Amino acid sequence: MSITRDFSLSAIVAGFVTVLVGFTSSAVIYVLIGLFGATVGALFTALPHELVAAIAGLALIGTIGNGLAAAMAAERDREAALVTFLVTASGVTLFGIGSAFWGLVAGGLALPILHPKAKG
C-alpha cells in the first residue's frame, strides 16, 4: 500500500482554510469566555460547593481513567500502583504530611515487598 501526497494548490488552500477556521472558532470561544468569565465565575460561586466539586470530578474522569490505565498497564507493578492510588485517594494525613506523600511511600514499600529480588 502506498501513500500518496497531494501537493496541489487546491489541497493546500483547503488545508489552510481548515486551519484558519479552527483558529478563528477557537479565538471566538476564548473571547466569549473572556467576556463572560466574571459571570461564569459568579455563577459557580452561587452554586453549592458539592455541585461544583461534582462537576469538576466529572470533568476529570477521563484524565483519572487514563492515568489509572497507564499505571495498571505493567502487570508486575499493578498492585503497587493500586496501593499508591488508594492511599493517595484516602486523604490520610500523618504528622502534618498529606496523602500524596504517603501514597508514594506506600507504593514504594509495596513494590519490593510484593516482588522481592531473587538472591544469587
PDB file of N, CA and C in Angstrom:
ATOM      1  N   MET A   1       0.850  -1.162   0.000  1.00  0.00           N
ATOM      2  CA  MET A   1       0.000   0.000   0.000  1.00  0.00           C
ATOM      3  C   MET A   1       0.899   1.229   0.000  1.00  0.00           C
ATOM      4  N   SER A   2       0.671   2.102  -0.919  1.00  0.00           N
ATOM      5  CA  SER A   2       1.489   3.309  -0.993  1.00  0.00           C
ATOM      6  C   SER A   2       0.672   4.507  -0.543  1.00  0.00           C
ATOM      7  N   ILE A   3       1.379   5.447   0.030  1.00  0.00           N
ATOM      8  CA  ILE A   3       0.736   6.677   0.492  1.00  0.00           C
ATOM      9  C   ILE A   3       1.017   7.761  -0.532  1.00  0.00           C
ATOM     10  N   THR A   4      -0.037   8.360  -1.010  1.00  0.00           N
ATOM     11  CA  THR A   4       0.137   9.440  -1.974  1.00  0.00           C
ATOM     12  C   THR A   4      -0.072  10.757  -1.267  1.00  0.00           C
ATOM     13  N   ARG A   5       0.691  11.728  -1.649  1.00  0.00           N
ATOM     14  CA  ARG A   5       0.569  13.058  -1.064  1.00  0.00           C
ATOM     15  C   ARG A   5       0.090  14.008  -2.144  1.00  0.00           C
ATOM     16  N   ASP A   6      -0.888  14.792  -1.780  1.00  0.00           N
ATOM     17  CA  ASP A   6      -1.470  15.731  -2.718  1.00  0.00           C
ATOM     18  C   ASP A   6      -0.956  17.135  -2.388  1.00  0.00           C
ATOM     19  N   PHE A   7      -0.037  17.619  -3.208  1.00  0.00           N
ATOM     20  CA  PHE A   7       0.522  18.943  -3.010  1.00  0.00           C
ATOM     21  C   PHE A   7      -0.056  19.949  -3.998  1.00  0.00           C
ATOM     22  N   SER A   8      -1.255  19.682  -4.457  1.00  0.00           N
ATOM     23  CA  SER A   8      -1.871  20.610  -5.399  1.00  0.00           C
ATOM     24  C   SER A   8      -2.291  21.885  -4.671  1.00  0.00           C
ATOM     25  N   LEU A   9      -2.461  22.933  -5.439  1.00  0.00           N
ATOM     26  CA  LEU A   9      -2.847  24.219  -4.872  1.00  0.00           C
ATOM     27  C   LEU A   9      -4.185  24.130  -4.159  1.00  0.00           C
ATOM     28  N   SER A  10      -5.110  23.377  -4.706  1.00  0.00           N
ATOM     29  CA  SER A  10      -6.433  23.272  -4.075  1.00  0.00           C
ATOM     30  C   SER A  10      -6.337  22.556  -2.727  1.00  0.00           C
ATOM     31  N   ALA A  11      -5.484  21.546  -2.617  1.00  0.00           N
ATOM     32  CA  ALA A  11      -5.329  20.843  -1.349  1.00  0.00           C
ATOM     33  C   ALA A  11      -4.662  21.736  -0.313  1.00  0.00           C
ATOM     34  N   ILE A  12      -3.698  22.529  -0.739  1.00  0.00           N
ATOM     35  CA  ILE A  12      -3.009  23.443   0.179  1.00  0.00           C
ATOM     36  C   ILE A  12      -3.970  24.519   0.667  1.00  0.00           C
ATOM     37  N   VAL A  13      -4.759  25.076  -0.237  1.00  0.00           N
ATOM     38  CA  VAL A  13      -5.731  26.104   0.138  1.00  0.00           C
ATOM     39  C   VAL A  13      -6.789  25.513   1.071  1.00  0.00           C
ATOM     40  N   ALA A  14      -7.252  24.301   0.767  1.00  0.00           N
ATOM     41  CA  ALA A  14      -8.253  23.660   1.621  1.00  0.00           C
ATOM     42  C   ALA A  14      -7.693  23.421   3.020  1.00  0.00           C
ATOM     43  N   GLY A  15      -6.450  22.981   3.118  1.00  0.00           N
ATOM     44  CA  GLY A  15      -5.819  22.792   4.418  1.00  0.00           C
ATOM     45  C   GLY A  15      -5.672  24.095   5.174  1.00  0.00           C
ATOM     46  N   PHE A  16      -5.269  25.151   4.468  1.00  0.00           N
ATOM     47  CA  PHE A  16      -5.114  26.461   5.088  1.00  0.00           C
ATOM     48  C   PHE A  16      -6.451  26.973   5.609  1.00  0.00           C
ATOM     49  N   VAL A  17      -7.504  26.816   4.827  1.00  0.00           N
ATOM     50  CA  VAL A  17      -8.830  27.281   5.238  1.00  0.00           C
ATOM     51  C   VAL A  17      -9.305  26.503   6.466  1.00  0.00           C
ATOM     52  N   THR A  18      -9.043  25.203   6.485  1.00  0.00           N
ATOM     53  CA  THR A  18      -9.435  24.390   7.633  1.00  0.00           C
ATOM     54  C   THR A  18      -8.738  24.872   8.900  1.00  0.00           C
ATOM     55  N   VAL A  19      -7.445  25.122   8.806  1.00  0.00           N
ATOM     56  CA  VAL A  19      -6.688  25.617   9.961  1.00  0.00           C
ATOM     57  C   VAL A  19      -7.179  26.999  10.366  1.00  0.00           C
ATOM     58  N   LEU A  20      -7.429  27.857   9.407  1.00  0.00           N
ATOM     59  CA  LEU A  20      -7.901  29.204   9.689  1.00  0.00           C
ATOM     60  C   LEU A  20      -9.258  29.184  10.378  1.00  0.00           C
ATOM     61  N   VAL A  21     -10.157  28.334   9.915  1.00  0.00           N
ATOM     62  CA  VAL A  21     -11.474  28.225  10.541  1.00  0.00           C
ATOM     63  C   VAL A  21     -11.324  27.700  11.971  1.00  0.00           C
ATOM     64  N   GLY A  22     -10.447  26.727  12.168  1.00  0.00           N
ATOM     65  CA  GLY A  22     -10.217  26.205  13.515  1.00  0.00           C
ATOM     66  C   GLY A  22      -9.680  27.265  14.453  1.00  0.00           C
ATOM     67  N   PHE A  23      -8.692  28.037  13.995  1.00  0.00           N
ATOM     68  CA  PHE A  23      -8.137  29.107  14.819  1.00  0.00           C
ATOM     69  C   PHE A  23      -9.178  30.179  15.102  1.00  0.00           C
ATOM     70  N   THR A  24      -9.970  30.525  14.094  1.00  0.00           N
ATOM     71  CA  THR A  24     -10.973  31.567  14.251  1.00  0.00           C
ATOM     72  C   THR A  24     -12.043  31.137  15.249  1.00  0.00           C
ATOM     73  N   SER A  25     -12.517  29.897  15.130  1.00  0.00           N
ATOM     74  CA  SER A  25     -13.556  29.443  16.056  1.00  0.00           C
ATOM     75  C   SER A  25     -13.001  29.361  17.475  1.00  0.00           C
ATOM     76  N   SER A  26     -11.743  28.948  17.630  1.00  0.00           N
ATOM     77  CA  SER A  26     -11.142  28.928  18.959  1.00  0.00           C
ATOM     78  C   SER A  26     -11.015  30.335  19.512  1.00  0.00           C
ATOM     79  N   ALA A  27     -10.611  31.268  18.664  1.00  0.00           N
ATOM     80  CA  ALA A  27     -10.467  32.655  19.113  1.00  0.00           C
ATOM     81  C   ALA A  27     -11.810  33.225  19.557  1.00  0.00           C
ATOM     82  N   VAL A  28     -12.868  32.917  18.827  1.00  0.00           N
ATOM     83  CA  VAL A  28     -14.193  33.410  19.195  1.00  0.00           C
ATOM     84  C   VAL A  28     -14.609  32.833  20.542  1.00  0.00           C
ATOM     85  N   ILE A  29     -14.363  31.554  20.741  1.00  0.00           N
ATOM     86  CA  ILE A  29     -14.720  30.921  22.016  1.00  0.00           C
ATOM     87  C   ILE A  29     -13.932  31.549  23.160  1.00  0.00           C
ATOM     88  N   TYR A  30     -12.629  31.779  22.955  1.00  0.00           N
ATOM     89  CA  TYR A  30     -11.814  32.388  24.010  1.00  0.00           C
ATOM     90  C   TYR A  30     -12.262  33.815  24.315  1.00  0.00           C
ATOM     91  N   VAL A  31     -12.648  34.560  23.308  1.00  0.00           N
ATOM     92  CA  VAL A  31     -13.143  35.919  23.537  1.00  0.00           C
ATOM     93  C   VAL A  31     -14.449  35.872  24.325  1.00  0.00           C
ATOM     94  N   LEU A  32     -15.340  34.961  23.982  1.00  0.00           N
ATOM     95  CA  LEU A  32     -16.600  34.832  24.720  1.00  0.00           C
ATOM     96  C   LEU A  32     -16.357  34.436  26.170  1.00  0.00           C
ATOM     97  N   ILE A  33     -15.436  33.514  26.382  1.00  0.00           N
ATOM     98  CA  ILE A  33     -15.103  33.116  27.755  1.00  0.00           C
ATOM     99  C   ILE A  33     -14.529  34.311  28.514  1.00  0.00           C
ATOM    100  N   GLY A  34     -13.689  35.092  27.843  1.00  0.00           N
ATOM    101  CA  GLY A  34     -13.132  36.273  28.480  1.00  0.00           C
ATOM    102  C   GLY A  34     -14.189  37.307  28.820  1.00  0.00           C
ATOM    103  N   LEU A  35     -15.135  37.503  27.912  1.00  0.00           N
ATOM    104  CA  LEU A  35     -16.180  38.498  28.154  1.00  0.00           C
ATOM    105  C   LEU A  35     -17.139  38.081  29.262  1.00  0.00           C
ATOM    106  N   PHE A  36     -17.449  36.792  29.303  1.00  0.00           N
ATOM    107  CA  PHE A  36     -18.419  36.306  30.273  1.00  0.00           C
ATOM    108  C   PHE A  36     -17.766  35.558  31.426  1.00  0.00           C
ATOM    109  N   GLY A  37     -16.445  35.698  31.583  1.00  0.00           N
ATOM    110  CA  GLY A  37     -15.729  34.996  32.644  1.00  0.00           C
ATOM    111  C   GLY A  37     -16.209  35.376  34.031  1.00  0.00           C
ATOM    112  N   ALA A  38     -16.455  36.647  34.257  1.00  0.00           N
ATOM    113  CA  ALA A  38     -16.924  37.102  35.567  1.00  0.00           C
ATOM    114  C   ALA A  38     -18.311  36.542  35.861  1.00  0.00           C
ATOM    115  N   THR A  39     -19.146  36.486  34.834  1.00  0.00           N
ATOM    116  CA  THR A  39     -20.497  35.935  35.012  1.00  0.00           C
ATOM    117  C   THR A  39     -20.436  34.450  35.350  1.00  0.00           C
ATOM    118  N   VAL A  40     -19.588  33.716  34.624  1.00  0.00           N
ATOM    119  CA  VAL A  40     -19.443  32.284  34.892  1.00  0.00           C
ATOM    120  C   VAL A  40     -18.861  32.072  36.284  1.00  0.00           C
ATOM    121  N   GLY A  41     -17.879  32.903  36.661  1.00  0.00           N
ATOM    122  CA  GLY A  41     -17.305  32.805  38.000  1.00  0.00           C
ATOM    123  C   GLY A  41     -18.338  33.062  39.078  1.00  0.00           C
ATOM    124  N   ALA A  42     -19.171  34.074  38.871  1.00  0.00           N
ATOM    125  CA  ALA A  42     -20.235  34.372  39.836  1.00  0.00           C
ATOM    126  C   ALA A  42     -21.252  33.239  39.895  1.00  0.00           C
ATOM    127  N   LEU A  43     -21.538  32.635  38.753  1.00  0.00           N
ATOM    128  CA  LEU A  43     -22.468  31.501  38.723  1.00  0.00           C
ATOM    129  C   LEU A  43     -21.932  30.340  39.547  1.00  0.00           C
ATOM    130  N   PHE A  44     -20.649  30.009  39.360  1.00  0.00           N
ATOM    131  CA  PHE A  44     -20.061  28.907  40.117  1.00  0.00           C
ATOM    132  C   PHE A  44     -19.946  29.246  41.604  1.00  0.00           C
ATOM    133  N   THR A  45     -19.769  30.517  41.921  1.00  0.00           N
ATOM    134  CA  THR A  45     -19.725  30.922  43.327  1.00  0.00           C
ATOM    135  C   THR A  45     -21.094  30.755  43.970  1.00  0.00           C
ATOM    136  N   ALA A  46     -22.152  30.986  43.211  1.00  0.00           N
ATOM    137  CA  ALA A  46     -23.510  30.886  43.742  1.00  0.00           C
ATOM    138  C   ALA A  46     -23.958  29.429  43.904  1.00  0.00           C
ATOM    139  N   LEU A  47     -23.347  28.515  43.170  1.00  0.00           N
ATOM    140  CA  LEU A  47     -23.735  27.106  43.254  1.00  0.00           C
ATOM    141  C   LEU A  47     -23.201  26.485  44.540  1.00  0.00           C
ATOM    142  N   PRO A  48     -23.851  25.442  45.029  1.00  0.00           N
ATOM    143  CA  PRO A  48     -23.335  24.748  46.213  1.00  0.00           C
ATOM    144  C   PRO A  48     -21.951  24.151  45.925  1.00  0.00           C
ATOM    145  N   HIS A  49     -21.098  24.158  46.936  1.00  0.00           N
ATOM    146  CA  HIS A  49     -19.725  23.663  46.759  1.00  0.00           C
ATOM    147  C   HIS A  49     -19.705  22.197  46.337  1.00  0.00           C
ATOM    148  N   GLU A  50     -20.656  21.411  46.826  1.00  0.00           N
ATOM    149  CA  GLU A  50     -20.717  19.998  46.463  1.00  0.00           C
ATOM    150  C   GLU A  50     -20.984  19.819  44.970  1.00  0.00           C
ATOM    151  N   LEU A  51     -21.857  20.673  44.426  1.00  0.00           N
ATOM    152  CA  LEU A  51     -22.171  20.590  42.999  1.00  0.00           C
ATOM    153  C   LEU A  51     -20.961  20.969  42.149  1.00  0.00           C
ATOM    154  N   VAL A  52     -20.243  22.010  42.552  1.00  0.00           N
ATOM    155  CA  VAL A  52     -19.041  22.421  41.820  1.00  0.00           C
ATOM    156  C   VAL A  52     -17.997  21.306  41.879  1.00  0.00           C
ATOM    157  N   ALA A  53     -17.830  20.674  43.042  1.00  0.00           N
ATOM    158  CA  ALA A  53     -16.886  19.561  43.178  1.00  0.00           C
ATOM    159  C   ALA A  53     -17.309  18.389  42.295  1.00  0.00           C
ATOM    160  N   ALA A  54     -18.603  18.122  42.228  1.00  0.00           N
ATOM    161  CA  ALA A  54     -19.092  17.033  41.381  1.00  0.00           C
ATOM    162  C   ALA A  54     -18.849  17.329  39.903  1.00  0.00           C
ATOM    163  N   ILE A  55     -19.060  18.563  39.480  1.00  0.00           N
ATOM    164  CA  ILE A  55     -18.809  18.948  38.090  1.00  0.00           C
ATOM    165  C   ILE A  55     -17.329  18.813  37.766  1.00  0.00           C
ATOM    166  N   ALA A  56     -16.477  19.272  38.691  1.00  0.00           N
ATOM    167  CA  ALA A  56     -15.033  19.150  38.482  1.00  0.00           C
ATOM    168  C   ALA A  56     -14.616  17.677  38.429  1.00  0.00           C
ATOM    169  N   GLY A  57     -15.201  16.864  39.289  1.00  0.00           N
ATOM    170  CA  GLY A  57     -14.899  15.435  39.282  1.00  0.00           C
ATOM    171  C   GLY A  57     -15.309  14.771  37.977  1.00  0.00           C
ATOM    172  N   LEU A  58     -16.476  15.119  37.477  1.00  0.00           N
ATOM    173  CA  LEU A  58     -16.919  14.561  36.191  1.00  0.00           C
ATOM    174  C   LEU A  58     -16.012  15.011  35.059  1.00  0.00           C
ATOM    175  N   ALA A  59     -15.524  16.242  35.138  1.00  0.00           N
ATOM    176  CA  ALA A  59     -14.630  16.730  34.092  1.00  0.00           C
ATOM    177  C   ALA A  59     -13.292  16.004  34.112  1.00  0.00           C
ATOM    178  N   LEU A  60     -12.891  15.493  35.261  1.00  0.00           N
ATOM    179  CA  LEU A  60     -11.591  14.829  35.400  1.00  0.00           C
ATOM    180  C   LEU A  60     -11.650  13.311  35.252  1.00  0.00           C
ATOM    181  N   ILE A  61     -12.823  12.753  34.993  1.00  0.00           N
ATOM    182  CA  ILE A  61     -12.946  11.301  34.903  1.00  0.00           C
ATOM    183  C   ILE A  61     -12.033  10.736  33.808  1.00  0.00           C
ATOM    184  N   GLY A  62     -11.998  11.356  32.671  1.00  0.00           N
ATOM    185  CA  GLY A  62     -11.152  10.862  31.583  1.00  0.00           C
ATOM    186  C   GLY A  62      -9.680  10.895  31.943  1.00  0.00           C
ATOM    187  N   THR A  63      -9.249  11.972  32.581  1.00  0.00           N
ATOM    188  CA  THR A  63      -7.850  12.091  32.980  1.00  0.00           C
ATOM    189  C   THR A  63      -7.491  11.043  34.021  1.00  0.00           C
ATOM    190  N   ILE A  64      -8.349  10.865  35.005  1.00  0.00           N
ATOM    191  CA  ILE A  64      -8.092   9.864  36.042  1.00  0.00           C
ATOM    192  C   ILE A  64      -8.090   8.463  35.432  1.00  0.00           C
ATOM    193  N   GLY A  65      -9.029   8.198  34.540  1.00  0.00           N
ATOM    194  CA  GLY A  65      -9.083   6.881  33.893  1.00  0.00           C
ATOM    195  C   GLY A  65      -7.846   6.583  33.070  1.00  0.00           C
ATOM    196  N   ASN A  66      -7.378   7.572  32.304  1.00  0.00           N
ATOM    197  CA  ASN A  66      -6.159   7.368  31.513  1.00  0.00           C
ATOM    198  C   ASN A  66      -4.942   7.159  32.399  1.00  0.00           C
ATOM    199  N   GLY A  67      -4.872   7.909  33.494  1.00  0.00           N
ATOM    200  CA  GLY A  67      -3.758   7.740  34.424  1.00  0.00           C
ATOM    201  C   GLY A  67      -3.763   6.376  35.079  1.00  0.00           C
ATOM    202  N   LEU A  68      -4.931   5.917  35.485  1.00  0.00           N
ATOM    203  CA  LEU A  68      -5.022   4.583  36.080  1.00  0.00           C
ATOM    204  C   LEU A  68      -4.712   3.496  35.058  1.00  0.00           C
ATOM    205  N   ALA A  69      -5.176   3.664  33.845  1.00  0.00           N
ATOM    206  CA  ALA A  69      -4.884   2.665  32.806  1.00  0.00           C
ATOM    207  C   ALA A  69      -3.383   2.581  32.541  1.00  0.00           C
ATOM    208  N   ALA A  70      -2.708   3.722  32.505  1.00  0.00           N
ATOM    209  CA  ALA A  70      -1.260   3.717  32.288  1.00  0.00           C
ATOM    210  C   ALA A  70      -0.536   3.104  33.478  1.00  0.00           C
ATOM    211  N   ALA A  71      -1.004   3.397  34.690  1.00  0.00           N
ATOM    212  CA  ALA A  71      -0.361   2.856  35.882  1.00  0.00           C
ATOM    213  C   ALA A  71      -0.564   1.354  36.001  1.00  0.00           C
ATOM    214  N   MET A  72      -1.702   0.865  35.536  1.00  0.00           N
ATOM    215  CA  MET A  72      -2.018  -0.555  35.662  1.00  0.00           C
ATOM    216  C   MET A  72      -1.570  -1.380  34.459  1.00  0.00           C
ATOM    217  N   ALA A  73      -0.935  -0.758  33.484  1.00  0.00           N
ATOM    218  CA  ALA A  73      -0.564  -1.464  32.260  1.00  0.00           C
ATOM    219  C   ALA A  73       0.487  -2.541  32.507  1.00  0.00           C
ATOM    220  N   ALA A  74       1.486  -2.235  33.306  1.00  0.00           N
ATOM    221  CA  ALA A  74       2.535  -3.218  33.590  1.00  0.00           C
ATOM    222  C   ALA A  74       2.031  -4.166  34.673  1.00  0.00           C
ATOM    223  N   GLU A  75       1.883  -5.437  34.332  1.00  0.00           N
ATOM    224  CA  GLU A  75       1.291  -6.402  35.258  1.00  0.00           C
ATOM    225  C   GLU A  75       2.116  -6.554  36.531  1.00  0.00           C
ATOM    226  N   ARG A  76       3.432  -6.464  36.412  1.00  0.00           N
ATOM    227  CA  ARG A  76       4.314  -6.654  37.567  1.00  0.00           C
ATOM    228  C   ARG A  76       4.099  -5.550  38.608  1.00  0.00           C
ATOM    229  N   ASP A  77       3.835  -4.336  38.170  1.00  0.00           N
ATOM    230  CA  ASP A  77       3.722  -3.198  39.072  1.00  0.00           C
ATOM    231  C   ASP A  77       2.281  -2.828  39.412  1.00  0.00           C
ATOM    232  N   ARG A  78       1.335  -3.636  38.995  1.00  0.00           N
ATOM    233  CA  ARG A  78      -0.077  -3.289  39.132  1.00  0.00           C
ATOM    234  C   ARG A  78      -0.506  -3.104  40.593  1.00  0.00           C
ATOM    235  N   GLU A  79      -0.113  -4.035  41.468  1.00  0.00           N
ATOM    236  CA  GLU A  79      -0.531  -3.953  42.861  1.00  0.00           C
ATOM    237  C   GLU A  79       0.057  -2.720  43.549  1.00  0.00           C
ATOM    238  N   ALA A  80       1.341  -2.447  43.302  1.00  0.00           N
ATOM    239  CA  ALA A  80       1.969  -1.268  43.906  1.00  0.00           C
ATOM    240  C   ALA A  80       1.313   0.014  43.411  1.00  0.00           C
ATOM    241  N   ALA A  81       0.952   0.061  42.141  1.00  0.00           N
ATOM    242  CA  ALA A  81       0.267   1.245  41.604  1.00  0.00           C
ATOM    243  C   ALA A  81      -1.099   1.415  42.257  1.00  0.00           C
ATOM    244  N   LEU A  82      -1.785   0.310  42.481  1.00  0.00           N
ATOM    245  CA  LEU A  82      -3.096   0.375  43.126  1.00  0.00           C
ATOM    246  C   LEU A  82      -2.968   0.832  44.577  1.00  0.00           C
ATOM    247  N   VAL A  83      -1.968   0.328  45.295  1.00  0.00           N
ATOM    248  CA  VAL A  83      -1.733   0.765  46.679  1.00  0.00           C
ATOM    249  C   VAL A  83      -1.442   2.257  46.706  1.00  0.00           C
ATOM    250  N   THR A  84      -0.593   2.717  45.791  1.00  0.00           N
ATOM    251  CA  THR A  84      -0.264   4.144  45.717  1.00  0.00           C
ATOM    252  C   THR A  84      -1.524   4.972  45.498  1.00  0.00           C
ATOM    253  N   PHE A  85      -2.350   4.569  44.552  1.00  0.00           N
ATOM    254  CA  PHE A  85      -3.575   5.305  44.241  1.00  0.00           C
ATOM    255  C   PHE A  85      -4.532   5.317  45.432  1.00  0.00           C
ATOM    256  N   LEU A  86      -4.740   4.162  46.056  1.00  0.00           N
ATOM    257  CA  LEU A  86      -5.707   4.081  47.149  1.00  0.00           C
ATOM    258  C   LEU A  86      -5.273   4.893  48.366  1.00  0.00           C
ATOM    259  N   VAL A  87      -3.994   4.835  48.712  1.00  0.00           N
ATOM    260  CA  VAL A  87      -3.519   5.616  49.856  1.00  0.00           C
ATOM    261  C   VAL A  87      -3.617   7.109  49.545  1.00  0.00           C
ATOM    262  N   THR A  88      -3.269   7.495  48.331  1.00  0.00           N
ATOM    263  CA  THR A  88      -3.359   8.904  47.946  1.00  0.00           C
ATOM    264  C   THR A  88      -4.813   9.374  47.934  1.00  0.00           C
ATOM    265  N   ALA A  89      -5.699   8.558  47.406  1.00  0.00           N
ATOM    266  CA  ALA A  89      -7.117   8.927  47.336  1.00  0.00           C
ATOM    267  C   ALA A  89      -7.785   8.924  48.706  1.00  0.00           C
ATOM    268  N   SER A  90      -7.206   8.225  49.672  1.00  0.00           N
ATOM    269  CA  SER A  90      -7.817   8.144  51.001  1.00  0.00           C
ATOM    270  C   SER A  90      -7.798   9.476  51.730  1.00  0.00           C
ATOM    271  N   GLY A  91      -6.814  10.327  51.411  1.00  0.00           N
ATOM    272  CA  GLY A  91      -6.728  11.620  52.079  1.00  0.00           C
ATOM    273  C   GLY A  91      -6.087  11.552  53.452  1.00  0.00           C
ATOM    274  N   VAL A  92      -5.396  10.467  53.735  1.00  0.00           N
ATOM    275  CA  VAL A  92      -4.761  10.308  55.044  1.00  0.00           C
ATOM    276  C   VAL A  92      -3.675  11.368  55.245  1.00  0.00           C
ATOM    277  N   THR A  93      -3.604  11.903  56.478  1.00  0.00           N
ATOM    278  CA  THR A  93      -2.583  12.888  56.836  1.00  0.00           C
ATOM    279  C   THR A  93      -1.916  12.424  58.125  1.00  0.00           C
ATOM    280  N   LEU A  94      -0.617  12.214  58.080  1.00  0.00           N
ATOM    281  CA  LEU A  94       0.153  11.826  59.262  1.00  0.00           C
ATOM    282  C   LEU A  94       1.268  12.833  59.477  1.00  0.00           C
ATOM    283  N   PHE A  95       1.409  13.275  60.724  1.00  0.00           N
ATOM    284  CA  PHE A  95       2.457  14.229  61.082  1.00  0.00           C
ATOM    285  C   PHE A  95       2.389  15.513  60.242  1.00  0.00           C
ATOM    286  N   GLY A  96       1.204  15.884  59.821  1.00  0.00           N
ATOM    287  CA  GLY A  96       1.037  17.093  59.036  1.00  0.00           C
ATOM    288  C   GLY A  96       1.441  16.944  57.573  1.00  0.00           C
ATOM    289  N   ILE A  97       1.712  15.717  57.130  1.00  0.00           N
ATOM    290  CA  ILE A  97       2.115  15.463  55.751  1.00  0.00           C
ATOM    291  C   ILE A  97       0.937  14.830  55.022  1.00  0.00           C
ATOM    292  N   GLY A  98       0.641  15.322  53.836  1.00  0.00           N
ATOM    293  CA  GLY A  98      -0.549  14.910  53.095  1.00  0.00           C
ATOM    294  C   GLY A  98      -0.456  13.537  52.454  1.00  0.00           C
ATOM    295  N   SER A  99      -1.584  13.123  51.908  1.00  0.00           N
ATOM    296  CA  SER A  99      -1.733  11.776  51.366  1.00  0.00           C
ATOM    297  C   SER A  99      -0.913  11.524  50.108  1.00  0.00           C
ATOM    298  N   ALA A 100      -0.571  12.561  49.347  1.00  0.00           N
ATOM    299  CA  ALA A 100       0.242  12.341  48.146  1.00  0.00           C
ATOM    300  C   ALA A 100       1.595  11.752  48.531  1.00  0.00           C
ATOM    301  N   PHE A 101       2.198  12.272  49.577  1.00  0.00           N
ATOM    302  CA  PHE A 101       3.486  11.747  50.042  1.00  0.00           C
ATOM    303  C   PHE A 101       3.332  10.323  50.558  1.00  0.00           C
ATOM    304  N   TRP A 102       2.324  10.080  51.383  1.00  0.00           N
ATOM    305  CA  TRP A 102       2.151   8.754  51.961  1.00  0.00           C
ATOM    306  C   TRP A 102       1.765   7.726  50.896  1.00  0.00           C
ATOM    307  N   GLY A 103       1.082   8.160  49.857  1.00  0.00           N
ATOM    308  CA  GLY A 103       0.795   7.242  48.750  1.00  0.00           C
ATOM    309  C   GLY A 103       2.066   6.790  48.061  1.00  0.00           C
ATOM    310  N   LEU A 104       2.983   7.723  47.824  1.00  0.00           N
ATOM    311  CA  LEU A 104       4.263   7.356  47.216  1.00  0.00           C
ATOM    312  C   LEU A 104       5.074   6.441  48.128  1.00  0.00           C
ATOM    313  N   VAL A 105       5.062   6.734  49.427  1.00  0.00           N
ATOM    314  CA  VAL A 105       5.782   5.871  50.379  1.00  0.00           C
ATOM    315  C   VAL A 105       5.178   4.473  50.380  1.00  0.00           C
ATOM    316  N   ALA A 106       3.853   4.378  50.456  1.00  0.00           N
ATOM    317  CA  ALA A 106       3.194   3.068  50.492  1.00  0.00           C
ATOM    318  C   ALA A 106       3.445   2.285  49.207  1.00  0.00           C
ATOM    319  N   GLY A 107       3.362   2.947  48.070  1.00  0.00           N
ATOM    320  CA  GLY A 107       3.636   2.262  46.801  1.00  0.00           C
ATOM    321  C   GLY A 107       5.085   1.843  46.683  1.00  0.00           C
ATOM    322  N   GLY A 108       5.990   2.717  47.156  1.00  0.00           N
ATOM    323  CA  GLY A 108       7.410   2.377  47.135  1.00  0.00           C
ATOM    324  C   GLY A 108       7.745   1.212  48.043  1.00  0.00           C
ATOM    325  N   LEU A 109       7.038   1.083  49.155  1.00  0.00           N
ATOM    326  CA  LEU A 109       7.255  -0.060  50.049  1.00  0.00           C
ATOM    327  C   LEU A 109       6.567  -1.317  49.523  1.00  0.00           C
ATOM    328  N   ALA A 110       5.431  -1.155  48.873  1.00  0.00           N
ATOM    329  CA  ALA A 110       4.681  -2.311  48.377  1.00  0.00           C
ATOM    330  C   ALA A 110       5.425  -3.031  47.259  1.00  0.00           C
ATOM    331  N   LEU A 111       6.124  -2.307  46.410  1.00  0.00           N
ATOM    332  CA  LEU A 111       6.786  -2.927  45.273  1.00  0.00           C
ATOM    333  C   LEU A 111       7.854  -3.944  45.682  1.00  0.00           C
ATOM    334  N   PRO A 112       8.812  -3.612  46.558  1.00  0.00           N
ATOM    335  CA  PRO A 112       9.792  -4.639  46.931  1.00  0.00           C
ATOM    336  C   PRO A 112       9.201  -5.734  47.806  1.00  0.00           C
ATOM    337  N   ILE A 113       8.142  -5.447  48.555  1.00  0.00           N
ATOM    338  CA  ILE A 113       7.523  -6.487  49.377  1.00  0.00           C
ATOM    339  C   ILE A 113       6.804  -7.497  48.498  1.00  0.00           C
ATOM    340  N   LEU A 114       6.098  -7.012  47.493  1.00  0.00           N
ATOM    341  CA  LEU A 114       5.340  -7.903  46.609  1.00  0.00           C
ATOM    342  C   LEU A 114       6.243  -8.624  45.602  1.00  0.00           C
ATOM    343  N   HIS A 115       7.366  -8.022  45.232  1.00  0.00           N
ATOM    344  CA  HIS A 115       8.263  -8.604  44.234  1.00  0.00           C
ATOM    345  C   HIS A 115       9.701  -8.513  44.723  1.00  0.00           C
ATOM    346  N   PRO A 116      10.079  -9.341  45.692  1.00  0.00           N
ATOM    347  CA  PRO A 116      11.467  -9.297  46.150  1.00  0.00           C
ATOM    348  C   PRO A 116      12.407  -9.780  45.066  1.00  0.00           C
ATOM    349  N   LYS A 117      13.614  -9.213  45.063  1.00  0.00           N
ATOM    350  CA  LYS A 117      14.608  -9.624  44.065  1.00  0.00           C
ATOM    351  C   LYS A 117      15.110 -11.014  44.382  1.00  0.00           C
ATOM    352  N   ALA A 118      15.388 -11.764  43.328  1.00  0.00           N
ATOM    353  CA  ALA A 118      15.917 -13.115  43.506  1.00  0.00           C
ATOM    354  C   ALA A 118      17.354 -13.027  44.002  1.00  0.00           C
ATOM    355  N   LYS A 119      17.688 -13.857  44.987  1.00  0.00           N
ATOM    356  CA  LYS A 119      19.037 -13.873  45.532  1.00  0.00           C
ATOM    357  C   LYS A 119      19.908 -14.777  44.680  1.00  0.00           C
ATOM    358  N   GLY A 120      21.151 -14.395  44.544  1.00  0.00           N
ATOM    359  CA  GLY A 120      22.051 -15.278  43.822  1.00  0.00           C
ATOM    360  C   GLY A 120      22.744 -14.585  42.784  1.00  0.00           C
TER     361      GLY A 120
END
